[in-house]
């Protein structure tokens, strides 16, 4: 079975940083494009970023471009999201996703 477990969330002040990780198993991680999705309270899911299988190509939502960096380690089947200069509007549950599979998320709260 596909398993995707995100962790690393927390509460930070505006301007702070967090690094999210996602441990993947149950599929050949190194052959799949991976994504981060977030869902804020009362809102629908929002695509944040994707990275291709080899890690050489990444794309970002305009709302996070220049602040977030997606990365992956195919040797350890791990996906990362480095988040800098966090804003209150980044508050959401963050999920990693492969195709239509989405795992358990991690809460990120940005508040002063």
PDB file of N, CA and C in Angstrom:
ATOM      1  N   UNK A   1       0.841  -1.197   0.000  1.00  0.00           N
ATOM      2  CA  UNK A   1       0.000   0.000   0.000  1.00  0.00           C
ATOM      3  C   UNK A   1       0.875   1.246   0.000  1.00  0.00           C
ATOM      4  N   UNK A   2       0.405   2.260  -0.716  1.00  0.00           N
ATOM      5  CA  UNK A   2       1.087   3.547  -0.699  1.00  0.00           C
ATOM      6  C   UNK A   2       0.919   4.195   0.668  1.00  0.00           C
ATOM      7  N   UNK A   3       2.032   4.633   1.228  1.00  0.00           N
ATOM      8  CA  UNK A   3       1.991   5.381   2.479  1.00  0.00           C
ATOM      9  C   UNK A   3       2.791   6.655   2.323  1.00  0.00           C
ATOM     10  N   UNK A   4       2.182   7.755   2.744  1.00  0.00           N
ATOM     11  CA  UNK A   4       2.808   9.068   2.703  1.00  0.00           C
ATOM     12  C   UNK A   4       2.561   9.736   4.043  1.00  0.00           C
ATOM     13  N   UNK A   5       3.608   9.976   4.776  1.00  0.00           N
ATOM     14  CA  UNK A   5       3.477  10.557   6.111  1.00  0.00           C
ATOM     15  C   UNK A   5       4.277  11.854   6.178  1.00  0.00           C
ATOM     16  N   UNK A   6       3.572  12.944   6.311  1.00  0.00           N
ATOM     17  CA  UNK A   6       4.217  14.252   6.442  1.00  0.00           C
ATOM     18  C   UNK A   6       4.451  14.572   7.898  1.00  0.00           C
ATOM     19  N   UNK A   7       5.572  15.225   8.184  1.00  0.00           N
ATOM     20  CA  UNK A   7       5.847  15.672   9.544  1.00  0.00           C
ATOM     21  C   UNK A   7       6.760  16.891   9.497  1.00  0.00           C
ATOM     22  N   UNK A   8       6.918  17.516  10.639  1.00  0.00           N
ATOM     23  CA  UNK A   8       7.769  18.694  10.719  1.00  0.00           C
ATOM     24  C   UNK A   8       7.020  19.998  10.892  1.00  0.00           C
ATOM     25  N   UNK A   9       5.693  19.948  10.918  1.00  0.00           N
ATOM     26  CA  UNK A   9       4.921  21.162  11.106  1.00  0.00           C
ATOM     27  C   UNK A   9       5.054  21.702  12.518  1.00  0.00           C
ATOM     28  N   UNK A  10       4.437  22.854  12.739  1.00  0.00           N
ATOM     29  CA  UNK A  10       4.486  23.455  14.057  1.00  0.00           C
ATOM     30  C   UNK A  10       3.926  24.853  14.013  1.00  0.00           C
ATOM     31  N   UNK A  11       4.146  25.564  15.099  1.00  0.00           N
ATOM     32  CA  UNK A  11       3.692  26.945  15.208  1.00  0.00           C
ATOM     33  C   UNK A  11       4.898  27.873  15.172  1.00  0.00           C
ATOM     34  N   UNK A  12       4.825  28.859  14.297  1.00  0.00           N
ATOM     35  CA  UNK A  12       5.916  29.821  14.166  1.00  0.00           C
ATOM     36  C   UNK A  12       5.334  31.222  14.029  1.00  0.00           C
ATOM     37  N   UNK A  13       6.180  32.215  14.276  1.00  0.00           N
ATOM     38  CA  UNK A  13       5.768  33.593  14.083  1.00  0.00           C
ATOM     39  C   UNK A  13       5.959  33.983  12.623  1.00  0.00           C
ATOM     40  N   UNK A  14       5.247  34.998  12.185  1.00  0.00           N
ATOM     41  CA  UNK A  14       5.469  35.505  10.821  1.00  0.00           C
ATOM     42  C   UNK A  14       6.942  35.810  10.588  1.00  0.00           C
ATOM     43  N   UNK A  15       7.433  35.420   9.422  1.00  0.00           N
ATOM     44  CA  UNK A  15       8.843  35.580   9.108  1.00  0.00           C
ATOM     45  C   UNK A  15       9.685  34.386   9.465  1.00  0.00           C
ATOM     46  N   UNK A  16       9.103  33.440  10.175  1.00  0.00           N
ATOM     47  CA  UNK A  16       9.848  32.260  10.589  1.00  0.00           C
ATOM     48  C   UNK A  16       9.975  31.224   9.492  1.00  0.00           C
ATOM     49  N   UNK A  17      10.616  30.114   9.842  1.00  0.00           N
ATOM     50  CA  UNK A  17      10.887  29.052   8.880  1.00  0.00           C
ATOM     51  C   UNK A  17      10.524  27.688   9.468  1.00  0.00           C
ATOM     52  N   UNK A  18      10.185  26.790   8.589  1.00  0.00           N
ATOM     53  CA  UNK A  18       9.957  25.398   8.946  1.00  0.00           C
ATOM     54  C   UNK A  18      10.418  24.527   7.791  1.00  0.00           C
ATOM     55  N   UNK A  19      10.800  23.309   8.126  1.00  0.00           N
ATOM     56  CA  UNK A  19      11.138  22.335   7.095  1.00  0.00           C
ATOM     57  C   UNK A  19      10.252  21.112   7.273  1.00  0.00           C
ATOM     58  N   UNK A  20       9.426  20.851   6.266  1.00  0.00           N
ATOM     59  CA  UNK A  20       8.563  19.691   6.291  1.00  0.00           C
ATOM     60  C   UNK A  20       9.244  18.523   5.596  1.00  0.00           C
ATOM     61  N   UNK A  21       8.946  17.331   6.074  1.00  0.00           N
ATOM     62  CA  UNK A  21       9.434  16.109   5.442  1.00  0.00           C
ATOM     63  C   UNK A  21       8.251  15.192   5.180  1.00  0.00           C
ATOM     64  N   UNK A  22       8.404  14.322   4.210  1.00  0.00           N
ATOM     65  CA  UNK A  22       7.378  13.321   3.914  1.00  0.00           C
ATOM     66  C   UNK A  22       8.076  12.005   3.647  1.00  0.00           C
ATOM     67  N   UNK A  23       7.768  11.027   4.458  1.00  0.00           N
ATOM     68  CA  UNK A  23       8.319   9.683   4.270  1.00  0.00           C
ATOM     69  C   UNK A  23       7.371   8.882   3.393  1.00  0.00           C
ATOM     70  N   UNK A  24       7.889   8.351   2.314  1.00  0.00           N
ATOM     71  CA  UNK A  24       7.074   7.629   1.341  1.00  0.00           C
ATOM     72  C   UNK A  24       7.459   6.156   1.303  1.00  0.00           C
ATOM     73  N   UNK A  25       6.467   5.309   1.096  1.00  0.00           N
ATOM     74  CA  UNK A  25       6.719   3.877   0.952  1.00  0.00           C
ATOM     75  C   UNK A  25       5.577   3.236   0.173  1.00  0.00           C
ATOM     76  N   UNK A  26       5.817   2.021  -0.290  1.00  0.00           N
ATOM     77  CA  UNK A  26       4.778   1.281  -0.994  1.00  0.00           C
ATOM     78  C   UNK A  26       4.757   1.498  -2.493  1.00  0.00           C
ATOM     79  N   UNK A  27       5.710   2.260  -3.019  1.00  0.00           N
ATOM     80  CA  UNK A  27       5.821   2.472  -4.461  1.00  0.00           C
ATOM     81  C   UNK A  27       7.260   2.858  -4.780  1.00  0.00           C
ATOM     82  N   UNK A  28       7.573   2.895  -6.064  1.00  0.00           N
ATOM     83  CA  UNK A  28       8.932   3.243  -6.467  1.00  0.00           C
ATOM     84  C   UNK A  28       9.061   4.752  -6.503  1.00  0.00           C
ATOM     85  N   UNK A  29       9.485   5.290  -5.368  1.00  0.00           N
ATOM     86  CA  UNK A  29       9.524   6.740  -5.156  1.00  0.00           C
ATOM     87  C   UNK A  29      10.309   7.460  -6.250  1.00  0.00           C
ATOM     88  N   UNK A  30      11.431   6.880  -6.643  1.00  0.00           N
ATOM     89  CA  UNK A  30      12.345   7.578  -7.553  1.00  0.00           C
ATOM     90  C   UNK A  30      11.792   7.754  -8.957  1.00  0.00           C
ATOM     91  N   UNK A  31      10.654   7.148  -9.247  1.00  0.00           N
ATOM     92  CA  UNK A  31      10.080   7.253 -10.593  1.00  0.00           C
ATOM     93  C   UNK A  31       8.861   8.170 -10.642  1.00  0.00           C
ATOM     94  N   UNK A  32       8.502   8.759  -9.528  1.00  0.00           N
ATOM     95  CA  UNK A  32       7.246   9.517  -9.444  1.00  0.00           C
ATOM     96  C   UNK A  32       7.467  11.003  -9.184  1.00  0.00           C
ATOM     97  N   UNK A  33       6.711  11.831  -9.891  1.00  0.00           N
ATOM     98  CA  UNK A  33       6.599  13.237  -9.525  1.00  0.00           C
ATOM     99  C   UNK A  33       5.885  13.331  -8.183  1.00  0.00           C
ATOM    100  N   UNK A  34       6.379  14.183  -7.310  1.00  0.00           N
ATOM    101  CA  UNK A  34       5.798  14.348  -5.977  1.00  0.00           C
ATOM    102  C   UNK A  34       5.373  15.798  -5.786  1.00  0.00           C
ATOM    103  N   UNK A  35       4.361  15.982  -4.963  1.00  0.00           N
ATOM    104  CA  UNK A  35       3.802  17.316  -4.755  1.00  0.00           C
ATOM    105  C   UNK A  35       3.510  17.566  -3.290  1.00  0.00           C
ATOM    106  N   UNK A  36       3.439  18.838  -2.961  1.00  0.00           N
ATOM    107  CA  UNK A  36       2.906  19.293  -1.675  1.00  0.00           C
ATOM    108  C   UNK A  36       1.592  20.020  -1.958  1.00  0.00           C
ATOM    109  N   UNK A  37       0.618  19.722  -1.153  1.00  0.00           N
ATOM    110  CA  UNK A  37      -0.710  20.316  -1.198  1.00  0.00           C
ATOM    111  C   UNK A  37      -0.991  20.852   0.196  1.00  0.00           C
ATOM    112  N   UNK A  38      -1.758  21.913   0.311  1.00  0.00           N
ATOM    113  CA  UNK A  38      -2.157  22.395   1.633  1.00  0.00           C
ATOM    114  C   UNK A  38      -3.645  22.707   1.645  1.00  0.00           C
ATOM    115  N   UNK A  39      -4.196  22.651   2.830  1.00  0.00           N
ATOM    116  CA  UNK A  39      -5.607  22.983   3.005  1.00  0.00           C
ATOM    117  C   UNK A  39      -5.767  23.828   4.250  1.00  0.00           C
ATOM    118  N   UNK A  40      -6.202  25.041   4.035  1.00  0.00           N
ATOM    119  CA  UNK A  40      -6.429  25.972   5.133  1.00  0.00           C
ATOM    120  C   UNK A  40      -7.835  25.754   5.697  1.00  0.00           C
ATOM    121  N   UNK A  41      -8.060  26.161   6.936  1.00  0.00           N
ATOM    122  CA  UNK A  41      -9.381  25.979   7.546  1.00  0.00           C
ATOM    123  C   UNK A  41     -10.480  26.608   6.703  1.00  0.00           C
ATOM    124  N   UNK A  42     -11.497  25.836   6.393  1.00  0.00           N
ATOM    125  CA  UNK A  42     -12.642  26.339   5.667  1.00  0.00           C
ATOM    126  C   UNK A  42     -12.431  26.517   4.174  1.00  0.00           C
ATOM    127  N   UNK A  43     -11.282  26.068   3.673  1.00  0.00           N
ATOM    128  CA  UNK A  43     -10.974  26.228   2.251  1.00  0.00           C
ATOM    129  C   UNK A  43     -10.690  24.879   1.612  1.00  0.00           C
ATOM    130  N   UNK A  44     -10.691  24.852   0.298  1.00  0.00           N
ATOM    131  CA  UNK A  44     -10.367  23.638  -0.428  1.00  0.00           C
ATOM    132  C   UNK A  44      -8.873  23.425  -0.530  1.00  0.00           C
ATOM    133  N   UNK A  45      -8.460  22.269  -0.997  1.00  0.00           N
ATOM    134  CA  UNK A  45      -7.030  21.995  -1.169  1.00  0.00           C
ATOM    135  C   UNK A  45      -6.394  22.957  -2.165  1.00  0.00           C
ATOM    136  N   UNK A  46      -5.153  23.325  -1.886  1.00  0.00           N
ATOM    137  CA  UNK A  46      -4.398  24.224  -2.749  1.00  0.00           C
ATOM    138  C   UNK A  46      -3.064  23.570  -3.105  1.00  0.00           C
ATOM    139  N   UNK A  47      -2.772  23.471  -4.369  1.00  0.00           N
ATOM    140  CA  UNK A  47      -1.459  22.972  -4.787  1.00  0.00           C
ATOM    141  C   UNK A  47      -0.384  23.979  -4.394  1.00  0.00           C
ATOM    142  N   UNK A  48       0.720  23.478  -3.855  1.00  0.00           N
ATOM    143  CA  UNK A  48       1.814  24.331  -3.406  1.00  0.00           C
ATOM    144  C   UNK A  48       3.032  24.201  -4.316  1.00  0.00           C
ATOM    145  N   UNK A  49       3.458  22.952  -4.562  1.00  0.00           N
ATOM    146  CA  UNK A  49       4.696  22.759  -5.307  1.00  0.00           C
ATOM    147  C   UNK A  49       4.780  21.320  -5.785  1.00  0.00           C
ATOM    148  N   UNK A  50       5.513  21.103  -6.874  1.00  0.00           N
ATOM    149  CA  UNK A  50       5.783  19.757  -7.391  1.00  0.00           C
ATOM    150  C   UNK A  50       7.237  19.650  -7.805  1.00  0.00           C
ATOM    151  N   UNK A  51       7.738  18.438  -7.781  1.00  0.00           N
ATOM    152  CA  UNK A  51       9.108  18.172  -8.212  1.00  0.00           C
ATOM    153  C   UNK A  51       9.124  16.892  -9.029  1.00  0.00           C
ATOM    154  N   UNK A  52       9.884  16.882 -10.116  1.00  0.00           N
ATOM    155  CA  UNK A  52       9.885  15.703 -10.970  1.00  0.00           C
ATOM    156  C   UNK A  52      10.693  14.577 -10.339  1.00  0.00           C
ATOM    157  N   UNK A  53      10.646  13.427 -10.977  1.00  0.00           N
ATOM    158  CA  UNK A  53      11.191  12.223 -10.356  1.00  0.00           C
ATOM    159  C   UNK A  53      12.673  12.330 -10.030  1.00  0.00           C
ATOM    160  N   UNK A  54      13.414  12.988 -10.899  1.00  0.00           N
ATOM    161  CA  UNK A  54      14.853  13.105 -10.681  1.00  0.00           C
ATOM    162  C   UNK A  54      15.258  14.262  -9.796  1.00  0.00           C
ATOM    163  N   UNK A  55      14.312  15.127  -9.507  1.00  0.00           N
ATOM    164  CA  UNK A  55      14.601  16.274  -8.648  1.00  0.00           C
ATOM    165  C   UNK A  55      15.143  17.482  -9.384  1.00  0.00           C
ATOM    166  N   UNK A  56      15.241  17.394 -10.714  1.00  0.00           N
ATOM    167  CA  UNK A  56      15.833  18.483 -11.455  1.00  0.00           C
ATOM    168  C   UNK A  56      14.862  19.551 -11.907  1.00  0.00           C
ATOM    169  N   UNK A  57      13.577  19.308 -11.706  1.00  0.00           N
ATOM    170  CA  UNK A  57      12.589  20.291 -12.130  1.00  0.00           C
ATOM    171  C   UNK A  57      11.542  20.490 -11.066  1.00  0.00           C
ATOM    172  N   UNK A  58      11.291  21.734 -10.712  1.00  0.00           N
ATOM    173  CA  UNK A  58      10.320  22.041  -9.668  1.00  0.00           C
ATOM    174  C   UNK A  58       9.433  23.184 -10.129  1.00  0.00           C
ATOM    175  N   UNK A  59       8.217  23.211  -9.607  1.00  0.00           N
ATOM    176  CA  UNK A  59       7.292  24.299  -9.888  1.00  0.00           C
ATOM    177  C   UNK A  59       6.597  24.688  -8.597  1.00  0.00           C
ATOM    178  N   UNK A  60       6.145  25.951  -8.553  1.00  0.00           N
ATOM    179  CA  UNK A  60       5.581  26.502  -7.327  1.00  0.00           C
ATOM    180  C   UNK A  60       4.344  27.336  -7.630  1.00  0.00           C
ATOM    181  N   UNK A  61       3.435  27.346  -6.672  1.00  0.00           N
ATOM    182  CA  UNK A  61       2.328  28.282  -6.726  1.00  0.00           C
ATOM    183  C   UNK A  61       2.870  29.695  -6.558  1.00  0.00           C
ATOM    184  N   UNK A  62       2.231  30.656  -7.199  1.00  0.00           N
ATOM    185  CA  UNK A  62       2.697  32.036  -7.105  1.00  0.00           C
ATOM    186  C   UNK A  62       2.739  32.514  -5.655  1.00  0.00           C
ATOM    187  N   UNK A  63       1.836  31.997  -4.843  1.00  0.00           N
ATOM    188  CA  UNK A  63       1.732  32.445  -3.455  1.00  0.00           C
ATOM    189  C   UNK A  63       2.945  32.066  -2.609  1.00  0.00           C
ATOM    190  N   UNK A  64       3.736  31.080  -3.062  1.00  0.00           N
ATOM    191  CA  UNK A  64       4.879  30.632  -2.272  1.00  0.00           C
ATOM    192  C   UNK A  64       6.202  30.793  -3.014  1.00  0.00           C
ATOM    193  N   UNK A  65       6.148  31.187  -4.252  1.00  0.00           N
ATOM    194  CA  UNK A  65       7.359  31.286  -5.064  1.00  0.00           C
ATOM    195  C   UNK A  65       8.355  32.265  -4.425  1.00  0.00           C
ATOM    196  N   UNK A  66       9.599  31.836  -4.349  1.00  0.00           N
ATOM    197  CA  UNK A  66      10.628  32.665  -3.736  1.00  0.00           C
ATOM    198  C   UNK A  66      10.757  32.484  -2.239  1.00  0.00           C
ATOM    199  N   UNK A  67       9.793  31.808  -1.626  1.00  0.00           N
ATOM    200  CA  UNK A  67       9.836  31.579  -0.175  1.00  0.00           C
ATOM    201  C   UNK A  67       9.974  30.096   0.171  1.00  0.00           C
ATOM    202  N   UNK A  68       9.390  29.239  -0.648  1.00  0.00           N
ATOM    203  CA  UNK A  68       9.404  27.796  -0.400  1.00  0.00           C
ATOM    204  C   UNK A  68      10.333  27.112  -1.406  1.00  0.00           C
ATOM    205  N   UNK A  69      10.966  26.035  -0.965  1.00  0.00           N
ATOM    206  CA  UNK A  69      11.807  25.225  -1.829  1.00  0.00           C
ATOM    207  C   UNK A  69      11.477  23.751  -1.625  1.00  0.00           C
ATOM    208  N   UNK A  70      11.145  23.081  -2.713  1.00  0.00           N
ATOM    209  CA  UNK A  70      10.856  21.651  -2.658  1.00  0.00           C
ATOM    210  C   UNK A  70      12.127  20.880  -3.031  1.00  0.00           C
ATOM    211  N   UNK A  71      12.315  19.746  -2.400  1.00  0.00           N
ATOM    212  CA  UNK A  71      13.475  18.904  -2.685  1.00  0.00           C
ATOM    213  C   UNK A  71      13.115  17.459  -2.387  1.00  0.00           C
ATOM    214  N   UNK A  72      13.956  16.561  -2.842  1.00  0.00           N
ATOM    215  CA  UNK A  72      13.707  15.138  -2.580  1.00  0.00           C
ATOM    216  C   UNK A  72      15.031  14.400  -2.448  1.00  0.00           C
ATOM    217  N   UNK A  73      14.980  13.302  -1.715  1.00  0.00           N
ATOM    218  CA  UNK A  73      16.111  12.401  -1.589  1.00  0.00           C
ATOM    219  C   UNK A  73      15.632  11.030  -2.004  1.00  0.00           C
ATOM    220  N   UNK A  74      15.936  10.631  -3.204  1.00  0.00           N
ATOM    221  CA  UNK A  74      15.436   9.353  -3.699  1.00  0.00           C
ATOM    222  C   UNK A  74      16.089   8.163  -2.995  1.00  0.00           C
ATOM    223  N   UNK A  75      17.243   8.367  -2.404  1.00  0.00           N
ATOM    224  CA  UNK A  75      17.900   7.272  -1.680  1.00  0.00           C
ATOM    225  C   UNK A  75      17.137   6.907  -0.408  1.00  0.00           C
ATOM    226  N   UNK A  76      16.480   7.887   0.189  1.00  0.00           N
ATOM    227  CA  UNK A  76      15.757   7.626   1.440  1.00  0.00           C
ATOM    228  C   UNK A  76      14.244   7.746   1.279  1.00  0.00           C
ATOM    229  N   UNK A  77      13.782   7.887   0.036  1.00  0.00           N
ATOM    230  CA  UNK A  77      12.332   8.000  -0.226  1.00  0.00           C
ATOM    231  C   UNK A  77      11.690   9.117   0.582  1.00  0.00           C
ATOM    232  N   UNK A  78      12.329  10.271   0.578  1.00  0.00           N
ATOM    233  CA  UNK A  78      11.849  11.390   1.379  1.00  0.00           C
ATOM    234  C   UNK A  78      11.680  12.633   0.520  1.00  0.00           C
ATOM    235  N   UNK A  79      10.574  13.304   0.737  1.00  0.00           N
ATOM    236  CA  UNK A  79      10.265  14.570   0.090  1.00  0.00           C
ATOM    237  C   UNK A  79      10.357  15.672   1.137  1.00  0.00           C
ATOM    238  N   UNK A  80      10.839  16.840   0.722  1.00  0.00           N
ATOM    239  CA  UNK A  80      11.004  17.949   1.654  1.00  0.00           C
ATOM    240  C   UNK A  80      10.312  19.206   1.131  1.00  0.00           C
ATOM    241  N   UNK A  81       9.994  20.088   2.077  1.00  0.00           N
ATOM    242  CA  UNK A  81       9.534  21.427   1.729  1.00  0.00           C
ATOM    243  C   UNK A  81      10.151  22.391   2.730  1.00  0.00           C
ATOM    244  N   UNK A  82      11.082  23.193   2.254  1.00  0.00           N
ATOM    245  CA  UNK A  82      11.700  24.239   3.073  1.00  0.00           C
ATOM    246  C   UNK A  82      10.847  25.486   2.924  1.00  0.00           C
ATOM    247  N   UNK A  83      10.362  26.005   4.057  1.00  0.00           N
ATOM    248  CA  UNK A  83       9.455  27.158   4.032  1.00  0.00           C
ATOM    249  C   UNK A  83      10.094  28.297   4.809  1.00  0.00           C
ATOM    250  N   UNK A  84      10.327  29.391   4.139  1.00  0.00           N
ATOM    251  CA  UNK A  84      10.936  30.571   4.747  1.00  0.00           C
ATOM    252  C   UNK A  84       9.996  31.760   4.652  1.00  0.00           C
ATOM    253  N   UNK A  85      10.263  32.763   5.470  1.00  0.00           N
ATOM    254  CA  UNK A  85       9.449  33.982   5.478  1.00  0.00           C
ATOM    255  C   UNK A  85       7.954  33.635   5.526  1.00  0.00           C
ATOM    256  N   UNK A  86       7.605  32.806   6.460  1.00  0.00           N
ATOM    257  CA  UNK A  86       6.224  32.340   6.566  1.00  0.00           C
ATOM    258  C   UNK A  86       5.280  33.474   6.908  1.00  0.00           C
ATOM    259  N   UNK A  87       4.080  33.371   6.340  1.00  0.00           N
ATOM    260  CA  UNK A  87       3.046  34.382   6.537  1.00  0.00           C
ATOM    261  C   UNK A  87       1.818  33.732   7.174  1.00  0.00           C
ATOM    262  N   UNK A  88       0.981  34.517   7.831  1.00  0.00           N
ATOM    263  CA  UNK A  88      -0.235  33.933   8.422  1.00  0.00           C
ATOM    264  C   UNK A  88      -1.082  33.167   7.403  1.00  0.00           C
ATOM    265  N   UNK A  89      -1.086  33.612   6.167  1.00  0.00           N
ATOM    266  CA  UNK A  89      -1.881  32.929   5.149  1.00  0.00           C
ATOM    267  C   UNK A  89      -1.293  31.587   4.726  1.00  0.00           C
ATOM    268  N   UNK A  90      -0.119  31.250   5.232  1.00  0.00           N
ATOM    269  CA  UNK A  90       0.447  29.915   4.996  1.00  0.00           C
ATOM    270  C   UNK A  90      -0.099  28.890   5.991  1.00  0.00           C
ATOM    271  N   UNK A  91      -0.859  29.341   6.958  1.00  0.00           N
ATOM    272  CA  UNK A  91      -1.444  28.431   7.936  1.00  0.00           C
ATOM    273  C   UNK A  91      -2.358  27.428   7.247  1.00  0.00           C
ATOM    274  N   UNK A  92      -2.075  26.163   7.443  1.00  0.00           N
ATOM    275  CA  UNK A  92      -2.824  25.092   6.775  1.00  0.00           C
ATOM    276  C   UNK A  92      -2.293  23.749   7.239  1.00  0.00           C
ATOM    277  N   UNK A  93      -3.016  22.705   6.867  1.00  0.00           N
ATOM    278  CA  UNK A  93      -2.476  21.358   6.971  1.00  0.00           C
ATOM    279  C   UNK A  93      -1.777  21.049   5.645  1.00  0.00           C
ATOM    280  N   UNK A  94      -0.546  20.611   5.731  1.00  0.00           N
ATOM    281  CA  UNK A  94       0.263  20.339   4.544  1.00  0.00           C
ATOM    282  C   UNK A  94       0.343  18.828   4.321  1.00  0.00           C
ATOM    283  N   UNK A  95       0.127  18.425   3.074  1.00  0.00           N
ATOM    284  CA  UNK A  95       0.136  17.022   2.694  1.00  0.00           C
ATOM    285  C   UNK A  95       1.128  16.800   1.547  1.00  0.00           C
ATOM    286  N   UNK A  96       1.756  15.643   1.528  1.00  0.00           N
ATOM    287  CA  UNK A  96       2.475  15.255   0.332  1.00  0.00           C
ATOM    288  C   UNK A  96       1.575  14.339  -0.500  1.00  0.00           C
ATOM    289  N   UNK A  97       1.780  14.410  -1.801  1.00  0.00           N
ATOM    290  CA  UNK A  97       0.882  13.716  -2.711  1.00  0.00           C
ATOM    291  C   UNK A  97       1.650  13.094  -3.860  1.00  0.00           C
ATOM    292  N   UNK A  98       1.244  11.886  -4.225  1.00  0.00           N
ATOM    293  CA  UNK A  98       1.775  11.192  -5.400  1.00  0.00           C
ATOM    294  C   UNK A  98       0.577  10.758  -6.238  1.00  0.00           C
ATOM    295  N   UNK A  99       0.433  11.339  -7.401  1.00  0.00           N
ATOM    296  CA  UNK A  99      -0.752  11.060  -8.218  1.00  0.00           C
ATOM    297  C   UNK A  99      -1.988  11.487  -7.451  1.00  0.00           C
ATOM    298  N   UNK A 100      -2.893  10.558  -7.239  1.00  0.00           N
ATOM    299  CA  UNK A 100      -4.108  10.848  -6.480  1.00  0.00           C
ATOM    300  C   UNK A 100      -3.987  10.427  -5.016  1.00  0.00           C
ATOM    301  N   UNK A 101      -2.836   9.922  -4.657  1.00  0.00           N
ATOM    302  CA  UNK A 101      -2.626   9.457  -3.283  1.00  0.00           C
ATOM    303  C   UNK A 101      -2.126  10.595  -2.401  1.00  0.00           C
ATOM    304  N   UNK A 102      -2.801  10.794  -1.293  1.00  0.00           N
ATOM    305  CA  UNK A 102      -2.426  11.839  -0.347  1.00  0.00           C
ATOM    306  C   UNK A 102      -2.383  11.230   1.037  1.00  0.00           C
ATOM    307  N   UNK A 103      -1.297  11.499   1.724  1.00  0.00           N
ATOM    308  CA  UNK A 103      -1.143  10.877   3.027  1.00  0.00           C
ATOM    309  C   UNK A 103      -1.626  11.754   4.157  1.00  0.00           C
ATOM    310  N   UNK A 104      -1.196  11.394   5.350  1.00  0.00           N
ATOM    311  CA  UNK A 104      -1.527  12.182   6.528  1.00  0.00           C
ATOM    312  C   UNK A 104      -0.737  13.476   6.503  1.00  0.00           C
ATOM    313  N   UNK A 105      -1.382  14.543   6.875  1.00  0.00           N
ATOM    314  CA  UNK A 105      -0.766  15.851   6.813  1.00  0.00           C
ATOM    315  C   UNK A 105      -0.127  16.278   8.114  1.00  0.00           C
ATOM    316  N   UNK A 106       0.488  17.452   8.059  1.00  0.00           N
ATOM    317  CA  UNK A 106       1.094  18.054   9.228  1.00  0.00           C
ATOM    318  C   UNK A 106       0.638  19.505   9.309  1.00  0.00           C
ATOM    319  N   UNK A 107       0.303  19.942  10.523  1.00  0.00           N
ATOM    320  CA  UNK A 107      -0.258  21.278  10.702  1.00  0.00           C
ATOM    321  C   UNK A 107       0.851  22.319  10.763  1.00  0.00           C
ATOM    322  N   UNK A 108       0.670  23.387  10.008  1.00  0.00           N
ATOM    323  CA  UNK A 108       1.548  24.560  10.076  1.00  0.00           C
ATOM    324  C   UNK A 108       0.686  25.748  10.480  1.00  0.00           C
ATOM    325  N   UNK A 109       1.091  26.407  11.563  1.00  0.00           N
ATOM    326  CA  UNK A 109       0.371  27.573  12.048  1.00  0.00           C
ATOM    327  C   UNK A 109       1.339  28.744  12.132  1.00  0.00           C
ATOM    328  N   UNK A 110       0.986  29.831  11.468  1.00  0.00           N
ATOM    329  CA  UNK A 110       1.823  31.036  11.477  1.00  0.00           C
ATOM    330  C   UNK A 110       1.021  32.154  12.128  1.00  0.00           C
ATOM    331  N   UNK A 111       1.479  32.563  13.279  1.00  0.00           N
ATOM    332  CA  UNK A 111       0.727  33.546  14.049  1.00  0.00           C
ATOM    333  C   UNK A 111       1.652  34.269  15.000  1.00  0.00           C
ATOM    334  N   UNK A 112       1.333  35.528  15.221  1.00  0.00           N
ATOM    335  CA  UNK A 112       2.098  36.289  16.198  1.00  0.00           C
ATOM    336  C   UNK A 112       1.432  36.231  17.569  1.00  0.00           C
TER     337      UNK A 112
END
